Amino acid sequence: MSQDKAEEEQHIKRMADLLRQGSTLTELACPACASPLFRLRSGDLWCAKCEKKVIVVREGEEPTKITSSIVLETFEATLLAKAQEIQNKMQHEENIEELQKLSAVFSGLLENLEKIRKIKRI
């Protein structure tokens, strides 16, 4: 079996999996590969071929504003994940000096989360 055919079968399998998971096929096409886009249950648009979220910028919308929002959401998710990692380390740490270091890092993460949330509200 050629590699192209195998990749196409994988693409079709991913599309079928999306449908089984409750996603809906849209009339939109991916701007990168022209594959049909799916609307996930979360409301996000997804390209099964590129395996990426797709953002549609409508006429009159500012692409930089949408891009900024995505960057902030991604950064917020990263900070939350790191805060969870630090919390897990703190629960098992007994060394006071190490706990102080972890606490300082955790505090910095929370400050940055607060800043991001303030920016998002603006």
PDB file of N, CA and C in Angstrom:
ATOM      1  N   MET A   1       0.849  -1.170   0.000  1.00  0.00           N
ATOM      2  CA  MET A   1       0.000   0.000   0.000  1.00  0.00           C
ATOM      3  C   MET A   1       0.902   1.244   0.000  1.00  0.00           C
ATOM      4  N   SER A   2       0.590   2.205  -0.848  1.00  0.00           N
ATOM      5  CA  SER A   2       1.407   3.409  -0.923  1.00  0.00           C
ATOM      6  C   SER A   2       1.174   4.274   0.308  1.00  0.00           C
ATOM      7  N   GLN A   3       2.145   5.131   0.578  1.00  0.00           N
ATOM      8  CA  GLN A   3       2.063   6.013   1.743  1.00  0.00           C
ATOM      9  C   GLN A   3       0.897   6.991   1.608  1.00  0.00           C
ATOM     10  N   ASP A   4       0.665   7.504   0.388  1.00  0.00           N
ATOM     11  CA  ASP A   4      -0.451   8.432   0.160  1.00  0.00           C
ATOM     12  C   ASP A   4      -1.784   7.779   0.484  1.00  0.00           C
ATOM     13  N   LYS A   5      -1.945   6.529   0.059  1.00  0.00           N
ATOM     14  CA  LYS A   5      -3.197   5.818   0.314  1.00  0.00           C
ATOM     15  C   LYS A   5      -3.365   5.555   1.809  1.00  0.00           C
ATOM     16  N   ALA A   6      -2.292   5.208   2.481  1.00  0.00           N
ATOM     17  CA  ALA A   6      -2.346   4.963   3.925  1.00  0.00           C
ATOM     18  C   ALA A   6      -2.701   6.252   4.674  1.00  0.00           C
ATOM     19  N   GLU A   7      -2.119   7.380   4.258  1.00  0.00           N
ATOM     20  CA  GLU A   7      -2.433   8.665   4.885  1.00  0.00           C
ATOM     21  C   GLU A   7      -3.893   9.035   4.666  1.00  0.00           C
ATOM     22  N   GLU A   8      -4.408   8.777   3.462  1.00  0.00           N
ATOM     23  CA  GLU A   8      -5.808   9.073   3.155  1.00  0.00           C
ATOM     24  C   GLU A   8      -6.740   8.220   4.009  1.00  0.00           C
ATOM     25  N   GLU A   9      -6.387   6.960   4.227  1.00  0.00           N
ATOM     26  CA  GLU A   9      -7.201   6.086   5.067  1.00  0.00           C
ATOM     27  C   GLU A   9      -7.203   6.576   6.515  1.00  0.00           C
ATOM     28  N   GLN A  10      -6.053   7.044   6.987  1.00  0.00           N
ATOM     29  CA  GLN A  10      -5.972   7.601   8.338  1.00  0.00           C
ATOM     30  C   GLN A  10      -6.847   8.848   8.458  1.00  0.00           C
ATOM     31  N   HIS A  11      -6.805   9.686   7.429  1.00  0.00           N
ATOM     32  CA  HIS A  11      -7.615  10.902   7.396  1.00  0.00           C
ATOM     33  C   HIS A  11      -9.099  10.544   7.485  1.00  0.00           C
ATOM     34  N   ILE A  12      -9.536   9.587   6.699  1.00  0.00           N
ATOM     35  CA  ILE A  12     -10.936   9.155   6.703  1.00  0.00           C
ATOM     36  C   ILE A  12     -11.312   8.552   8.061  1.00  0.00           C
ATOM     37  N   LYS A  13     -10.411   7.786   8.642  1.00  0.00           N
ATOM     38  CA  LYS A  13     -10.656   7.197   9.962  1.00  0.00           C
ATOM     39  C   LYS A  13     -10.832   8.289  11.011  1.00  0.00           C
ATOM     40  N   ARG A  14      -9.978   9.327  10.971  1.00  0.00           N
ATOM     41  CA  ARG A  14     -10.099  10.434  11.930  1.00  0.00           C
ATOM     42  C   ARG A  14     -11.432  11.155  11.751  1.00  0.00           C
ATOM     43  N   MET A  15     -11.867  11.342  10.496  1.00  0.00           N
ATOM     44  CA  MET A  15     -13.149  11.996  10.246  1.00  0.00           C
ATOM     45  C   MET A  15     -14.300  11.146  10.804  1.00  0.00           C
ATOM     46  N   ALA A  16     -14.251   9.845  10.590  1.00  0.00           N
ATOM     47  CA  ALA A  16     -15.295   8.957  11.116  1.00  0.00           C
ATOM     48  C   ALA A  16     -15.314   8.991  12.639  1.00  0.00           C
ATOM     49  N   ASP A  17     -14.127   9.004  13.250  1.00  0.00           N
ATOM     50  CA  ASP A  17     -14.041   9.084  14.715  1.00  0.00           C
ATOM     51  C   ASP A  17     -14.676  10.369  15.233  1.00  0.00           C
ATOM     52  N   LEU A  18     -14.433  11.487  14.537  1.00  0.00           N
ATOM     53  CA  LEU A  18     -15.028  12.755  14.945  1.00  0.00           C
ATOM     54  C   LEU A  18     -16.552  12.678  14.902  1.00  0.00           C
ATOM     55  N   LEU A  19     -17.091  12.077  13.855  1.00  0.00           N
ATOM     56  CA  LEU A  19     -18.539  11.943  13.741  1.00  0.00           C
ATOM     57  C   LEU A  19     -19.101  11.060  14.857  1.00  0.00           C
ATOM     58  N   ARG A  20     -18.402   9.973  15.172  1.00  0.00           N
ATOM     59  CA  ARG A  20     -18.842   9.082  16.253  1.00  0.00           C
ATOM     60  C   ARG A  20     -18.822   9.795  17.602  1.00  0.00           C
ATOM     61  N   GLN A  21     -17.918  10.760  17.758  1.00  0.00           N
ATOM     62  CA  GLN A  21     -17.794  11.491  19.018  1.00  0.00           C
ATOM     63  C   GLN A  21     -18.792  12.640  19.127  1.00  0.00           C
ATOM     64  N   GLY A  22     -19.637  12.799  18.107  1.00  0.00           N
ATOM     65  CA  GLY A  22     -20.667  13.836  18.177  1.00  0.00           C
ATOM     66  C   GLY A  22     -20.338  15.120  17.449  1.00  0.00           C
ATOM     67  N   SER A  23     -19.231  15.167  16.725  1.00  0.00           N
ATOM     68  CA  SER A  23     -18.893  16.352  15.937  1.00  0.00           C
ATOM     69  C   SER A  23     -19.792  16.385  14.707  1.00  0.00           C
ATOM     70  N   THR A  24     -19.949  17.580  14.152  1.00  0.00           N
ATOM     71  CA  THR A  24     -20.764  17.701  12.940  1.00  0.00           C
ATOM     72  C   THR A  24     -19.906  18.204  11.788  1.00  0.00           C
ATOM     73  N   LEU A  25     -20.213  17.688  10.620  1.00  0.00           N
ATOM     74  CA  LEU A  25     -19.526  18.105   9.403  1.00  0.00           C
ATOM     75  C   LEU A  25     -20.087  19.464   8.997  1.00  0.00           C
ATOM     76  N   THR A  26     -19.212  20.404   8.649  1.00  0.00           N
ATOM     77  CA  THR A  26     -19.667  21.731   8.239  1.00  0.00           C
ATOM     78  C   THR A  26     -19.499  21.894   6.732  1.00  0.00           C
ATOM     79  N   GLU A  27     -19.984  23.013   6.223  1.00  0.00           N
ATOM     80  CA  GLU A  27     -19.821  23.320   4.805  1.00  0.00           C
ATOM     81  C   GLU A  27     -18.490  24.014   4.543  1.00  0.00           C
ATOM     82  N   LEU A  28     -17.739  24.278   5.596  1.00  0.00           N
ATOM     83  CA  LEU A  28     -16.466  24.992   5.485  1.00  0.00           C
ATOM     84  C   LEU A  28     -15.324  24.038   5.154  1.00  0.00           C
ATOM     85  N   ALA A  29     -14.286  24.591   4.518  1.00  0.00           N
ATOM     86  CA  ALA A  29     -13.092  23.804   4.182  1.00  0.00           C
ATOM     87  C   ALA A  29     -11.880  24.410   4.864  1.00  0.00           C
ATOM     88  N   CYS A  30     -10.935  23.577   5.177  1.00  0.00           N
ATOM     89  CA  CYS A  30      -9.690  24.022   5.804  1.00  0.00           C
ATOM     90  C   CYS A  30      -8.937  24.927   4.836  1.00  0.00           C
ATOM     91  N   PRO A  31      -8.474  26.091   5.298  1.00  0.00           N
ATOM     92  CA  PRO A  31      -7.729  26.975   4.408  1.00  0.00           C
ATOM     93  C   PRO A  31      -6.353  26.426   4.028  1.00  0.00           C
ATOM     94  N   ALA A  32      -5.838  25.474   4.805  1.00  0.00           N
ATOM     95  CA  ALA A  32      -4.513  24.924   4.527  1.00  0.00           C
ATOM     96  C   ALA A  32      -4.545  23.732   3.577  1.00  0.00           C
ATOM     97  N   CYS A  33      -5.568  22.864   3.733  1.00  0.00           N
ATOM     98  CA  CYS A  33      -5.564  21.621   2.948  1.00  0.00           C
ATOM     99  C   CYS A  33      -6.858  21.373   2.171  1.00  0.00           C
ATOM    100  N   ALA A  34      -7.853  22.217   2.359  1.00  0.00           N
ATOM    101  CA  ALA A  34      -9.156  22.131   1.691  1.00  0.00           C
ATOM    102  C   ALA A  34     -10.004  20.938   2.155  1.00  0.00           C
ATOM    103  N   SER A  35      -9.621  20.279   3.226  1.00  0.00           N
ATOM    104  CA  SER A  35     -10.403  19.181   3.787  1.00  0.00           C
ATOM    105  C   SER A  35     -11.629  19.763   4.492  1.00  0.00           C
ATOM    106  N   PRO A  36     -12.732  19.014   4.555  1.00  0.00           N
ATOM    107  CA  PRO A  36     -13.917  19.515   5.263  1.00  0.00           C
ATOM    108  C   PRO A  36     -13.613  19.755   6.739  1.00  0.00           C
ATOM    109  N   LEU A  37     -14.226  20.788   7.291  1.00  0.00           N
ATOM    110  CA  LEU A  37     -14.048  21.102   8.705  1.00  0.00           C
ATOM    111  C   LEU A  37     -15.194  20.520   9.522  1.00  0.00           C
ATOM    112  N   PHE A  38     -14.882  20.164  10.750  1.00  0.00           N
ATOM    113  CA  PHE A  38     -15.866  19.614  11.672  1.00  0.00           C
ATOM    114  C   PHE A  38     -16.064  20.586  12.828  1.00  0.00           C
ATOM    115  N   ARG A  39     -17.299  20.684  13.302  1.00  0.00           N
ATOM    116  CA  ARG A  39     -17.566  21.470  14.503  1.00  0.00           C
ATOM    117  C   ARG A  39     -17.604  20.486  15.666  1.00  0.00           C
ATOM    118  N   LEU A  40     -16.671  20.665  16.586  1.00  0.00           N
ATOM    119  CA  LEU A  40     -16.604  19.797  17.753  1.00  0.00           C
ATOM    120  C   LEU A  40     -17.737  20.138  18.713  1.00  0.00           C
ATOM    121  N   ARG A  41     -17.981  19.284  19.653  1.00  0.00           N
ATOM    122  CA  ARG A  41     -19.029  19.532  20.649  1.00  0.00           C
ATOM    123  C   ARG A  41     -18.742  20.802  21.441  1.00  0.00           C
ATOM    124  N   SER A  42     -17.480  21.171  21.547  1.00  0.00           N
ATOM    125  CA  SER A  42     -17.092  22.396  22.254  1.00  0.00           C
ATOM    126  C   SER A  42     -17.429  23.648  21.450  1.00  0.00           C
ATOM    127  N   GLY A  43     -17.745  23.454  20.155  1.00  0.00           N
ATOM    128  CA  GLY A  43     -18.031  24.588  19.281  1.00  0.00           C
ATOM    129  C   GLY A  43     -16.855  24.975  18.404  1.00  0.00           C
ATOM    130  N   ASP A  44     -15.687  24.433  18.695  1.00  0.00           N
ATOM    131  CA  ASP A  44     -14.498  24.738  17.904  1.00  0.00           C
ATOM    132  C   ASP A  44     -14.572  24.058  16.538  1.00  0.00           C
ATOM    133  N   LEU A  45     -13.946  24.690  15.556  1.00  0.00           N
ATOM    134  CA  LEU A  45     -13.805  24.072  14.239  1.00  0.00           C
ATOM    135  C   LEU A  45     -12.503  23.282  14.221  1.00  0.00           C
ATOM    136  N   TRP A  46     -12.528  22.111  13.584  1.00  0.00           N
ATOM    137  CA  TRP A  46     -11.375  21.206  13.597  1.00  0.00           C
ATOM    138  C   TRP A  46     -11.147  20.625  12.213  1.00  0.00           C
ATOM    139  N   CYS A  47      -9.875  20.594  11.801  1.00  0.00           N
ATOM    140  CA  CYS A  47      -9.500  19.927  10.554  1.00  0.00           C
ATOM    141  C   CYS A  47      -8.931  18.555  10.916  1.00  0.00           C
ATOM    142  N   ALA A  48      -9.601  17.514  10.435  1.00  0.00           N
ATOM    143  CA  ALA A  48      -9.158  16.148  10.741  1.00  0.00           C
ATOM    144  C   ALA A  48      -7.870  15.803  10.015  1.00  0.00           C
ATOM    145  N   LYS A  49      -7.645  16.412   8.867  1.00  0.00           N
ATOM    146  CA  LYS A  49      -6.443  16.101   8.090  1.00  0.00           C
ATOM    147  C   LYS A  49      -5.218  16.780   8.705  1.00  0.00           C
ATOM    148  N   CYS A  50      -5.329  18.067   9.005  1.00  0.00           N
ATOM    149  CA  CYS A  50      -4.210  18.802   9.609  1.00  0.00           C
ATOM    150  C   CYS A  50      -4.095  18.530  11.108  1.00  0.00           C
ATOM    151  N   GLU A  51      -5.189  18.018  11.682  1.00  0.00           N
ATOM    152  CA  GLU A  51      -5.287  17.782  13.122  1.00  0.00           C
ATOM    153  C   GLU A  51      -5.028  19.067  13.901  1.00  0.00           C
ATOM    154  N   LYS A  52      -5.738  20.140  13.479  1.00  0.00           N
ATOM    155  CA  LYS A  52      -5.580  21.443  14.119  1.00  0.00           C
ATOM    156  C   LYS A  52      -6.925  22.144  14.230  1.00  0.00           C
ATOM    157  N   LYS A  53      -6.999  23.003  15.230  1.00  0.00           N
ATOM    158  CA  LYS A  53      -8.143  23.883  15.389  1.00  0.00           C
ATOM    159  C   LYS A  53      -8.065  24.945  14.289  1.00  0.00           C
ATOM    160  N   VAL A  54      -9.213  25.322  13.751  1.00  0.00           N
ATOM    161  CA  VAL A  54      -9.271  26.333  12.702  1.00  0.00           C
ATOM    162  C   VAL A  54     -10.121  27.489  13.202  1.00  0.00           C
ATOM    163  N   ILE A  55      -9.623  28.689  13.025  1.00  0.00           N
ATOM    164  CA  ILE A  55     -10.345  29.892  13.418  1.00  0.00           C
ATOM    165  C   ILE A  55     -10.814  30.592  12.158  1.00  0.00           C
ATOM    166  N   VAL A  56     -12.093  30.904  12.108  1.00  0.00           N
ATOM    167  CA  VAL A  56     -12.649  31.613  10.964  1.00  0.00           C
ATOM    168  C   VAL A  56     -12.733  33.088  11.319  1.00  0.00           C
ATOM    169  N   VAL A  57     -12.121  33.912  10.490  1.00  0.00           N
ATOM    170  CA  VAL A  57     -12.183  35.357  10.678  1.00  0.00           C
ATOM    171  C   VAL A  57     -13.191  35.885   9.675  1.00  0.00           C
ATOM    172  N   ARG A  58     -14.255  36.414  10.189  1.00  0.00           N
ATOM    173  CA  ARG A  58     -15.310  36.933   9.333  1.00  0.00           C
ATOM    174  C   ARG A  58     -14.958  38.335   8.860  1.00  0.00           C
ATOM    175  N   GLU A  59     -15.551  38.721   7.753  1.00  0.00           N
ATOM    176  CA  GLU A  59     -15.312  40.046   7.197  1.00  0.00           C
ATOM    177  C   GLU A  59     -15.660  41.091   8.254  1.00  0.00           C
ATOM    178  N   GLY A  60     -14.763  42.032   8.427  1.00  0.00           N
ATOM    179  CA  GLY A  60     -14.960  43.090   9.409  1.00  0.00           C
ATOM    180  C   GLY A  60     -14.331  42.800  10.757  1.00  0.00           C
ATOM    181  N   GLU A  61     -13.962  41.538  11.020  1.00  0.00           N
ATOM    182  CA  GLU A  61     -13.305  41.196  12.279  1.00  0.00           C
ATOM    183  C   GLU A  61     -11.810  41.459  12.153  1.00  0.00           C
ATOM    184  N   GLU A  62     -11.195  41.753  13.279  1.00  0.00           N
ATOM    185  CA  GLU A  62      -9.762  41.999  13.293  1.00  0.00           C
ATOM    186  C   GLU A  62      -9.013  40.697  13.599  1.00  0.00           C
ATOM    187  N   PRO A  63      -8.219  40.202  12.639  1.00  0.00           N
ATOM    188  CA  PRO A  63      -7.474  38.953  12.880  1.00  0.00           C
ATOM    189  C   PRO A  63      -6.535  39.042  14.087  1.00  0.00           C
ATOM    190  N   THR A  64      -5.931  40.205  14.302  1.00  0.00           N
ATOM    191  CA  THR A  64      -4.993  40.319  15.423  1.00  0.00           C
ATOM    192  C   THR A  64      -5.705  40.167  16.759  1.00  0.00           C
ATOM    193  N   LYS A  65      -6.950  40.659  16.855  1.00  0.00           N
ATOM    194  CA  LYS A  65      -7.709  40.531  18.097  1.00  0.00           C
ATOM    195  C   LYS A  65      -8.018  39.064  18.374  1.00  0.00           C
ATOM    196  N   ILE A  66      -8.404  38.329  17.334  1.00  0.00           N
ATOM    197  CA  ILE A  66      -8.715  36.904  17.484  1.00  0.00           C
ATOM    198  C   ILE A  66      -7.454  36.122  17.835  1.00  0.00           C
ATOM    199  N   THR A  67      -6.360  36.421  17.154  1.00  0.00           N
ATOM    200  CA  THR A  67      -5.082  35.748  17.420  1.00  0.00           C
ATOM    201  C   THR A  67      -4.632  36.013  18.851  1.00  0.00           C
ATOM    202  N   SER A  68      -4.766  37.253  19.302  1.00  0.00           N
ATOM    203  CA  SER A  68      -4.385  37.599  20.672  1.00  0.00           C
ATOM    204  C   SER A  68      -5.186  36.788  21.680  1.00  0.00           C
ATOM    205  N   SER A  69      -6.476  36.646  21.416  1.00  0.00           N
ATOM    206  CA  SER A  69      -7.336  35.880  22.308  1.00  0.00           C
ATOM    207  C   SER A  69      -6.886  34.426  22.390  1.00  0.00           C
ATOM    208  N   ILE A  70      -6.542  33.850  21.255  1.00  0.00           N
ATOM    209  CA  ILE A  70      -6.082  32.456  21.223  1.00  0.00           C
ATOM    210  C   ILE A  70      -4.777  32.302  22.001  1.00  0.00           C
ATOM    211  N   VAL A  71      -3.867  33.239  21.805  1.00  0.00           N
ATOM    212  CA  VAL A  71      -2.583  33.187  22.510  1.00  0.00           C
ATOM    213  C   VAL A  71      -2.810  33.264  24.012  1.00  0.00           C
ATOM    214  N   LEU A  72      -3.686  34.179  24.443  1.00  0.00           N
ATOM    215  CA  LEU A  72      -3.961  34.312  25.876  1.00  0.00           C
ATOM    216  C   LEU A  72      -4.600  33.045  26.441  1.00  0.00           C
ATOM    217  N   GLU A  73      -5.535  32.448  25.714  1.00  0.00           N
ATOM    218  CA  GLU A  73      -6.174  31.218  26.179  1.00  0.00           C
ATOM    219  C   GLU A  73      -5.156  30.083  26.291  1.00  0.00           C
ATOM    220  N   THR A  74      -4.279  29.977  25.317  1.00  0.00           N
ATOM    221  CA  THR A  74      -3.263  28.932  25.331  1.00  0.00           C
ATOM    222  C   THR A  74      -2.294  29.142  26.493  1.00  0.00           C
ATOM    223  N   PHE A  75      -1.885  30.393  26.689  1.00  0.00           N
ATOM    224  CA  PHE A  75      -0.958  30.703  27.778  1.00  0.00           C
ATOM    225  C   PHE A  75      -1.619  30.436  29.128  1.00  0.00           C
ATOM    226  N   GLU A  76      -2.891  30.791  29.263  1.00  0.00           N
ATOM    227  CA  GLU A  76      -3.624  30.544  30.497  1.00  0.00           C
ATOM    228  C   GLU A  76      -3.687  29.041  30.789  1.00  0.00           C
ATOM    229  N   ALA A  77      -3.973  28.238  29.774  1.00  0.00           N
ATOM    230  CA  ALA A  77      -4.033  26.789  29.958  1.00  0.00           C
ATOM    231  C   ALA A  77      -2.676  26.223  30.371  1.00  0.00           C
ATOM    232  N   THR A  78      -1.615  26.755  29.786  1.00  0.00           N
ATOM    233  CA  THR A  78      -0.267  26.303  30.140  1.00  0.00           C
ATOM    234  C   THR A  78       0.047  26.635  31.593  1.00  0.00           C
ATOM    235  N   LEU A  79      -0.285  27.860  32.014  1.00  0.00           N
ATOM    236  CA  LEU A  79      -0.037  28.258  33.405  1.00  0.00           C
ATOM    237  C   LEU A  79      -0.831  27.389  34.382  1.00  0.00           C
ATOM    238  N   LEU A  80      -2.073  27.091  34.039  1.00  0.00           N
ATOM    239  CA  LEU A  80      -2.882  26.234  34.909  1.00  0.00           C
ATOM    240  C   LEU A  80      -2.293  24.831  35.009  1.00  0.00           C
ATOM    241  N   ALA A  81      -1.810  24.310  33.901  1.00  0.00           N
ATOM    242  CA  ALA A  81      -1.191  22.982  33.920  1.00  0.00           C
ATOM    243  C   ALA A  81       0.070  22.980  34.778  1.00  0.00           C
ATOM    244  N   LYS A  82       0.870  24.029  34.648  1.00  0.00           N
ATOM    245  CA  LYS A  82       2.089  24.125  35.461  1.00  0.00           C
ATOM    246  C   LYS A  82       1.755  24.303  36.937  1.00  0.00           C
ATOM    247  N   ALA A  83       0.706  25.064  37.237  1.00  0.00           N
ATOM    248  CA  ALA A  83       0.284  25.240  38.626  1.00  0.00           C
ATOM    249  C   ALA A  83      -0.126  23.891  39.218  1.00  0.00           C
ATOM    250  N   GLN A  84      -0.795  23.071  38.427  1.00  0.00           N
ATOM    251  CA  GLN A  84      -1.188  21.737  38.884  1.00  0.00           C
ATOM    252  C   GLN A  84       0.051  20.868  39.158  1.00  0.00           C
ATOM    253  N   GLU A  85       1.038  20.965  38.274  1.00  0.00           N
ATOM    254  CA  GLU A  85       2.280  20.207  38.484  1.00  0.00           C
ATOM    255  C   GLU A  85       2.967  20.628  39.780  1.00  0.00           C
ATOM    256  N   ILE A  86       3.036  21.931  40.009  1.00  0.00           N
ATOM    257  CA  ILE A  86       3.676  22.443  41.231  1.00  0.00           C
ATOM    258  C   ILE A  86       2.893  21.979  42.459  1.00  0.00           C
ATOM    259  N   GLN A  87       1.574  22.059  42.398  1.00  0.00           N
ATOM    260  CA  GLN A  87       0.746  21.619  43.517  1.00  0.00           C
ATOM    261  C   GLN A  87       1.012  20.143  43.837  1.00  0.00           C
ATOM    262  N   ASN A  88       1.089  19.306  42.804  1.00  0.00           N
ATOM    263  CA  ASN A  88       1.368  17.887  43.017  1.00  0.00           C
ATOM    264  C   ASN A  88       2.728  17.682  43.675  1.00  0.00           C
ATOM    265  N   LYS A  89       3.733  18.441  43.240  1.00  0.00           N
ATOM    266  CA  LYS A  89       5.065  18.325  43.854  1.00  0.00           C
ATOM    267  C   LYS A  89       5.033  18.777  45.305  1.00  0.00           C
ATOM    268  N   MET A  90       4.276  19.851  45.582  1.00  0.00           N
ATOM    269  CA  MET A  90       4.204  20.376  46.949  1.00  0.00           C
ATOM    270  C   MET A  90       3.563  19.372  47.909  1.00  0.00           C
ATOM    271  N   GLN A  91       2.578  18.616  47.432  1.00  0.00           N
ATOM    272  CA  GLN A  91       1.894  17.648  48.288  1.00  0.00           C
ATOM    273  C   GLN A  91       2.821  16.548  48.783  1.00  0.00           C
ATOM    274  N   HIS A  92       3.855  16.234  48.001  1.00  0.00           N
ATOM    275  CA  HIS A  92       4.741  15.126  48.347  1.00  0.00           C
ATOM    276  C   HIS A  92       6.106  15.592  48.869  1.00  0.00           C
ATOM    277  N   GLU A  93       6.305  16.892  48.892  1.00  0.00           N
ATOM    278  CA  GLU A  93       7.606  17.427  49.312  1.00  0.00           C
ATOM    279  C   GLU A  93       7.630  17.636  50.821  1.00  0.00           C
ATOM    280  N   GLU A  94       8.720  17.227  51.462  1.00  0.00           N
ATOM    281  CA  GLU A  94       8.861  17.401  52.908  1.00  0.00           C
ATOM    282  C   GLU A  94       9.970  18.386  53.253  1.00  0.00           C
ATOM    283  N   ASN A  95      10.873  18.634  52.316  1.00  0.00           N
ATOM    284  CA  ASN A  95      11.970  19.561  52.531  1.00  0.00           C
ATOM    285  C   ASN A  95      11.430  20.993  52.516  1.00  0.00           C
ATOM    286  N   ILE A  96      11.614  21.713  53.634  1.00  0.00           N
ATOM    287  CA  ILE A  96      11.073  23.070  53.789  1.00  0.00           C
ATOM    288  C   ILE A  96      11.652  24.023  52.743  1.00  0.00           C
ATOM    289  N   GLU A  97      12.936  23.932  52.466  1.00  0.00           N
ATOM    290  CA  GLU A  97      13.549  24.825  51.479  1.00  0.00           C
ATOM    291  C   GLU A  97      12.956  24.594  50.085  1.00  0.00           C
ATOM    292  N   GLU A  98      12.752  23.343  49.741  1.00  0.00           N
ATOM    293  CA  GLU A  98      12.168  23.024  48.438  1.00  0.00           C
ATOM    294  C   GLU A  98      10.713  23.491  48.380  1.00  0.00           C
ATOM    295  N   LEU A  99       9.984  23.346  49.492  1.00  0.00           N
ATOM    296  CA  LEU A  99       8.610  23.835  49.546  1.00  0.00           C
ATOM    297  C   LEU A  99       8.544  25.352  49.353  1.00  0.00           C
ATOM    298  N   GLN A 100       9.516  26.063  49.933  1.00  0.00           N
ATOM    299  CA  GLN A 100       9.554  27.518  49.763  1.00  0.00           C
ATOM    300  C   GLN A 100       9.791  27.888  48.299  1.00  0.00           C
ATOM    301  N   LYS A 101      10.691  27.157  47.640  1.00  0.00           N
ATOM    302  CA  LYS A 101      10.956  27.412  46.221  1.00  0.00           C
ATOM    303  C   LYS A 101       9.702  27.138  45.381  1.00  0.00           C
ATOM    304  N   LEU A 102       9.078  26.005  45.644  1.00  0.00           N
ATOM    305  CA  LEU A 102       7.867  25.652  44.905  1.00  0.00           C
ATOM    306  C   LEU A 102       6.754  26.670  45.155  1.00  0.00           C
ATOM    307  N   SER A 103       6.652  27.117  46.398  1.00  0.00           N
ATOM    308  CA  SER A 103       5.643  28.108  46.739  1.00  0.00           C
ATOM    309  C   SER A 103       5.876  29.423  45.994  1.00  0.00           C
ATOM    310  N   ALA A 104       7.119  29.829  45.854  1.00  0.00           N
ATOM    311  CA  ALA A 104       7.446  31.061  45.129  1.00  0.00           C
ATOM    312  C   ALA A 104       7.081  30.924  43.648  1.00  0.00           C
ATOM    313  N   VAL A 105       7.377  29.779  43.072  1.00  0.00           N
ATOM    314  CA  VAL A 105       7.032  29.538  41.665  1.00  0.00           C
ATOM    315  C   VAL A 105       5.516  29.541  41.506  1.00  0.00           C
ATOM    316  N   PHE A 106       4.820  28.874  42.425  1.00  0.00           N
ATOM    317  CA  PHE A 106       3.363  28.810  42.387  1.00  0.00           C
ATOM    318  C   PHE A 106       2.755  30.212  42.481  1.00  0.00           C
ATOM    319  N   SER A 107       3.293  31.009  43.359  1.00  0.00           N
ATOM    320  CA  SER A 107       2.822  32.384  43.525  1.00  0.00           C
ATOM    321  C   SER A 107       3.004  33.186  42.232  1.00  0.00           C
ATOM    322  N   GLY A 108       4.146  33.015  41.574  1.00  0.00           N
ATOM    323  CA  GLY A 108       4.399  33.696  40.307  1.00  0.00           C
ATOM    324  C   GLY A 108       3.426  33.262  39.229  1.00  0.00           C
ATOM    325  N   LEU A 109       3.107  31.963  39.195  1.00  0.00           N
ATOM    326  CA  LEU A 109       2.134  31.460  38.225  1.00  0.00           C
ATOM    327  C   LEU A 109       0.765  32.088  38.456  1.00  0.00           C
ATOM    328  N   LEU A 110       0.365  32.179  39.731  1.00  0.00           N
ATOM    329  CA  LEU A 110      -0.940  32.765  40.043  1.00  0.00           C
ATOM    330  C   LEU A 110      -0.988  34.252  39.675  1.00  0.00           C
ATOM    331  N   GLU A 111       0.102  34.962  39.900  1.00  0.00           N
ATOM    332  CA  GLU A 111       0.156  36.380  39.508  1.00  0.00           C
ATOM    333  C   GLU A 111       0.001  36.530  38.003  1.00  0.00           C
ATOM    334  N   ASN A 112       0.670  35.672  37.251  1.00  0.00           N
ATOM    335  CA  ASN A 112       0.561  35.738  35.798  1.00  0.00           C
ATOM    336  C   ASN A 112      -0.841  35.364  35.314  1.00  0.00           C
ATOM    337  N   LEU A 113      -1.455  34.396  35.978  1.00  0.00           N
ATOM    338  CA  LEU A 113      -2.836  34.038  35.635  1.00  0.00           C
ATOM    339  C   LEU A 113      -3.771  35.230  35.855  1.00  0.00           C
ATOM    340  N   GLU A 114      -3.577  35.904  36.969  1.00  0.00           N
ATOM    341  CA  GLU A 114      -4.396  37.083  37.271  1.00  0.00           C
ATOM    342  C   GLU A 114      -4.209  38.166  36.202  1.00  0.00           C
ATOM    343  N   LYS A 115      -2.985  38.386  35.774  1.00  0.00           N
ATOM    344  CA  LYS A 115      -2.714  39.378  34.732  1.00  0.00           C
ATOM    345  C   LYS A 115      -3.400  39.008  33.416  1.00  0.00           C
ATOM    346  N   ILE A 116      -3.301  37.738  33.045  1.00  0.00           N
ATOM    347  CA  ILE A 116      -3.939  37.277  31.806  1.00  0.00           C
ATOM    348  C   ILE A 116      -5.437  37.480  31.876  1.00  0.00           C
ATOM    349  N   ARG A 117      -6.027  37.149  32.997  1.00  0.00           N
ATOM    350  CA  ARG A 117      -7.483  37.277  33.135  1.00  0.00           C
ATOM    351  C   ARG A 117      -7.920  38.739  33.093  1.00  0.00           C
ATOM    352  N   LYS A 118      -7.097  39.632  33.624  1.00  0.00           N
ATOM    353  CA  LYS A 118      -7.404  41.063  33.531  1.00  0.00           C
ATOM    354  C   LYS A 118      -7.355  41.526  32.076  1.00  0.00           C
ATOM    355  N   ILE A 119      -6.352  41.080  31.347  1.00  0.00           N
ATOM    356  CA  ILE A 119      -6.227  41.453  29.940  1.00  0.00           C
ATOM    357  C   ILE A 119      -7.411  40.930  29.147  1.00  0.00           C
ATOM    358  N   LYS A 120      -7.838  39.707  29.431  1.00  0.00           N
ATOM    359  CA  LYS A 120      -8.965  39.112  28.713  1.00  0.00           C
ATOM    360  C   LYS A 120     -10.266  39.860  28.954  1.00  0.00           C
ATOM    361  N   ARG A 121     -10.407  40.452  30.138  1.00  0.00           N
ATOM    362  CA  ARG A 121     -11.627  41.197  30.465  1.00  0.00           C
ATOM    363  C   ARG A 121     -11.696  42.535  29.719  1.00  0.00           C
ATOM    364  N   ILE A 122     -10.542  43.067  29.348  1.00  0.00           N
ATOM    365  CA  ILE A 122     -10.496  44.392  28.677  1.00  0.00           C
ATOM    366  C   ILE A 122     -11.090  44.338  27.303  1.00  0.00           C
TER     367      ILE A 122
END
